[in-house]
Amino acid sequence: MLFILKLLFVLQIPTDIPNPDNNKPLDFSDPFEIIVFIVLPILVILLYIFWKRHKRKDK
């Protein structure tokens, strides 16, 4: 019974899209990944903070 449930679960995973089982870890030696996963999120947070301050000063 458990085998059948496991088999049904595996058959439902699409093969053409990424899923948690076939992802590789981040490679921080690649500059693109550093920019995308570290620099851009920090920039978005900083821009949001500056935007909120500017919006508060206008009122």
N, C-alpha and C. Protein backbone atom coordinates (compact mmCIF):
# COMPACT_ATOMS: atom_id res chain seq x y z
N MET A 1 0.82 -1.19 0.00
CA MET A 1 0.00 0.00 0.00
C MET A 1 0.88 1.26 0.00
N LEU A 2 1.87 1.28 0.86
CA LEU A 2 2.77 2.43 0.93
C LEU A 2 3.56 2.60 -0.37
N PHE A 3 3.93 1.48 -0.95
CA PHE A 3 4.65 1.53 -2.22
C PHE A 3 3.79 2.16 -3.31
N ILE A 4 2.53 1.83 -3.35
CA ILE A 4 1.62 2.38 -4.35
C ILE A 4 1.45 3.88 -4.15
N LEU A 5 1.34 4.32 -2.91
CA LEU A 5 1.22 5.75 -2.64
C LEU A 5 2.48 6.50 -3.06
N LYS A 6 3.63 5.93 -2.76
CA LYS A 6 4.89 6.54 -3.16
C LYS A 6 5.00 6.62 -4.69
N LEU A 7 4.61 5.57 -5.35
CA LEU A 7 4.64 5.53 -6.80
C LEU A 7 3.71 6.58 -7.39
N LEU A 8 2.53 6.72 -6.85
CA LEU A 8 1.59 7.74 -7.34
C LEU A 8 2.14 9.14 -7.11
N PHE A 9 2.79 9.36 -6.01
CA PHE A 9 3.39 10.67 -5.74
C PHE A 9 4.50 10.98 -6.74
N VAL A 10 5.35 10.04 -7.02
CA VAL A 10 6.46 10.23 -7.95
C VAL A 10 5.93 10.46 -9.36
N LEU A 11 4.88 9.82 -9.74
CA LEU A 11 4.33 10.00 -11.08
C LEU A 11 3.71 11.37 -11.28
N GLN A 12 3.36 12.04 -10.21
CA GLN A 12 2.75 13.35 -10.32
C GLN A 12 3.76 14.47 -10.52
N ILE A 13 5.02 14.24 -10.25
CA ILE A 13 6.04 15.28 -10.39
C ILE A 13 6.36 15.47 -11.87
N PRO A 14 6.15 16.68 -12.41
CA PRO A 14 6.48 16.91 -13.82
C PRO A 14 7.98 16.81 -14.06
N THR A 15 8.35 16.37 -15.21
CA THR A 15 9.76 16.15 -15.50
C THR A 15 10.43 17.38 -16.11
N ASP A 16 9.68 18.30 -16.69
CA ASP A 16 10.27 19.42 -17.40
C ASP A 16 10.49 20.66 -16.56
N ILE A 17 10.03 20.67 -15.35
CA ILE A 17 10.19 21.86 -14.51
C ILE A 17 11.04 21.51 -13.29
N PRO A 18 11.72 22.50 -12.71
CA PRO A 18 12.53 22.22 -11.52
C PRO A 18 11.64 21.86 -10.33
N ASN A 19 12.12 20.96 -9.53
CA ASN A 19 11.44 20.61 -8.28
C ASN A 19 12.50 20.46 -7.19
N PRO A 20 12.10 20.37 -5.95
CA PRO A 20 13.09 20.33 -4.86
C PRO A 20 14.08 19.17 -4.93
N ASP A 21 13.73 18.11 -5.64
CA ASP A 21 14.62 16.96 -5.69
C ASP A 21 15.78 17.13 -6.67
N ASN A 22 15.63 17.99 -7.67
CA ASN A 22 16.70 18.09 -8.66
C ASN A 22 17.35 19.47 -8.69
N ASN A 23 17.21 20.23 -7.65
CA ASN A 23 17.88 21.53 -7.58
C ASN A 23 19.31 21.36 -7.10
N LYS A 24 20.17 22.22 -7.61
CA LYS A 24 21.56 22.18 -7.15
C LYS A 24 21.80 23.33 -6.18
N PRO A 25 22.75 23.23 -5.30
CA PRO A 25 23.02 24.34 -4.36
C PRO A 25 23.59 25.55 -5.09
N LEU A 26 23.48 26.70 -4.46
CA LEU A 26 24.00 27.92 -5.05
C LEU A 26 25.53 27.86 -5.11
N ASP A 27 26.04 28.36 -6.21
CA ASP A 27 27.48 28.41 -6.41
C ASP A 27 27.92 29.87 -6.32
N PHE A 28 28.44 30.28 -5.19
CA PHE A 28 28.80 31.67 -4.97
C PHE A 28 30.12 32.06 -5.63
N SER A 29 30.72 31.16 -6.35
CA SER A 29 31.89 31.56 -7.12
C SER A 29 31.47 32.17 -8.46
N ASP A 30 30.21 32.02 -8.81
CA ASP A 30 29.67 32.60 -10.03
C ASP A 30 29.17 34.02 -9.74
N PRO A 31 29.70 35.04 -10.40
CA PRO A 31 29.29 36.43 -10.12
C PRO A 31 27.80 36.68 -10.36
N PHE A 32 27.21 36.01 -11.33
CA PHE A 32 25.79 36.19 -11.61
C PHE A 32 24.94 35.81 -10.39
N GLU A 33 25.27 34.72 -9.75
CA GLU A 33 24.49 34.28 -8.59
C GLU A 33 24.69 35.20 -7.40
N ILE A 34 25.86 35.75 -7.26
CA ILE A 34 26.09 36.73 -6.18
C ILE A 34 25.23 37.96 -6.41
N ILE A 35 25.20 38.43 -7.64
CA ILE A 35 24.40 39.62 -7.95
C ILE A 35 22.91 39.35 -7.74
N VAL A 36 22.44 38.24 -8.25
CA VAL A 36 21.01 37.94 -8.20
C VAL A 36 20.53 37.61 -6.79
N PHE A 37 21.29 36.86 -6.03
CA PHE A 37 20.81 36.37 -4.75
C PHE A 37 21.27 37.17 -3.54
N ILE A 38 22.23 38.08 -3.71
CA ILE A 38 22.70 38.88 -2.57
C ILE A 38 22.53 40.37 -2.84
N VAL A 39 23.09 40.85 -3.94
CA VAL A 39 23.12 42.29 -4.20
C VAL A 39 21.72 42.82 -4.53
N LEU A 40 21.00 42.18 -5.43
CA LEU A 40 19.68 42.68 -5.81
C LEU A 40 18.68 42.69 -4.65
N PRO A 41 18.59 41.66 -3.83
CA PRO A 41 17.66 41.76 -2.69
C PRO A 41 18.02 42.88 -1.72
N ILE A 42 19.30 43.10 -1.50
CA ILE A 42 19.72 44.20 -0.61
C ILE A 42 19.33 45.54 -1.23
N LEU A 43 19.55 45.68 -2.54
CA LEU A 43 19.15 46.92 -3.21
C LEU A 43 17.65 47.16 -3.15
N VAL A 44 16.88 46.13 -3.31
CA VAL A 44 15.42 46.27 -3.24
C VAL A 44 15.00 46.72 -1.85
N ILE A 45 15.59 46.16 -0.82
CA ILE A 45 15.25 46.55 0.55
C ILE A 45 15.66 48.00 0.80
N LEU A 46 16.84 48.39 0.37
CA LEU A 46 17.30 49.76 0.57
C LEU A 46 16.43 50.76 -0.20
N LEU A 47 16.09 50.44 -1.42
CA LEU A 47 15.22 51.32 -2.20
C LEU A 47 13.84 51.46 -1.56
N TYR A 48 13.34 50.39 -1.01
CA TYR A 48 12.05 50.45 -0.32
C TYR A 48 12.13 51.36 0.91
N ILE A 49 13.20 51.25 1.67
CA ILE A 49 13.37 52.09 2.87
C ILE A 49 13.47 53.56 2.47
N PHE A 50 14.25 53.86 1.45
CA PHE A 50 14.37 55.24 1.00
C PHE A 50 13.06 55.78 0.45
N TRP A 51 12.33 54.94 -0.25
CA TRP A 51 11.04 55.34 -0.79
C TRP A 51 10.05 55.65 0.33
N LYS A 52 10.04 54.82 1.37
CA LYS A 52 9.13 55.07 2.50
C LYS A 52 9.51 56.35 3.23
N ARG A 53 10.80 56.62 3.40
CA ARG A 53 11.23 57.86 4.05
C ARG A 53 10.82 59.08 3.23
N HIS A 54 11.02 59.00 1.94
CA HIS A 54 10.66 60.10 1.06
C HIS A 54 9.13 60.33 1.08
N LYS A 55 8.40 59.27 1.08
CA LYS A 55 6.94 59.37 1.12
C LYS A 55 6.47 59.98 2.44
N ARG A 56 7.13 59.64 3.52
CA ARG A 56 6.77 60.18 4.83
C ARG A 56 7.10 61.67 4.92
N LYS A 57 8.20 62.10 4.30
CA LYS A 57 8.58 63.51 4.32
C LYS A 57 7.61 64.37 3.50
N ASP A 58 7.01 63.81 2.46
CA ASP A 58 6.07 64.55 1.63
C ASP A 58 4.78 64.88 2.38
N LYS A 59 4.43 64.11 3.34
CA LYS A 59 3.18 64.35 4.07
C LYS A 59 3.37 65.42 5.07
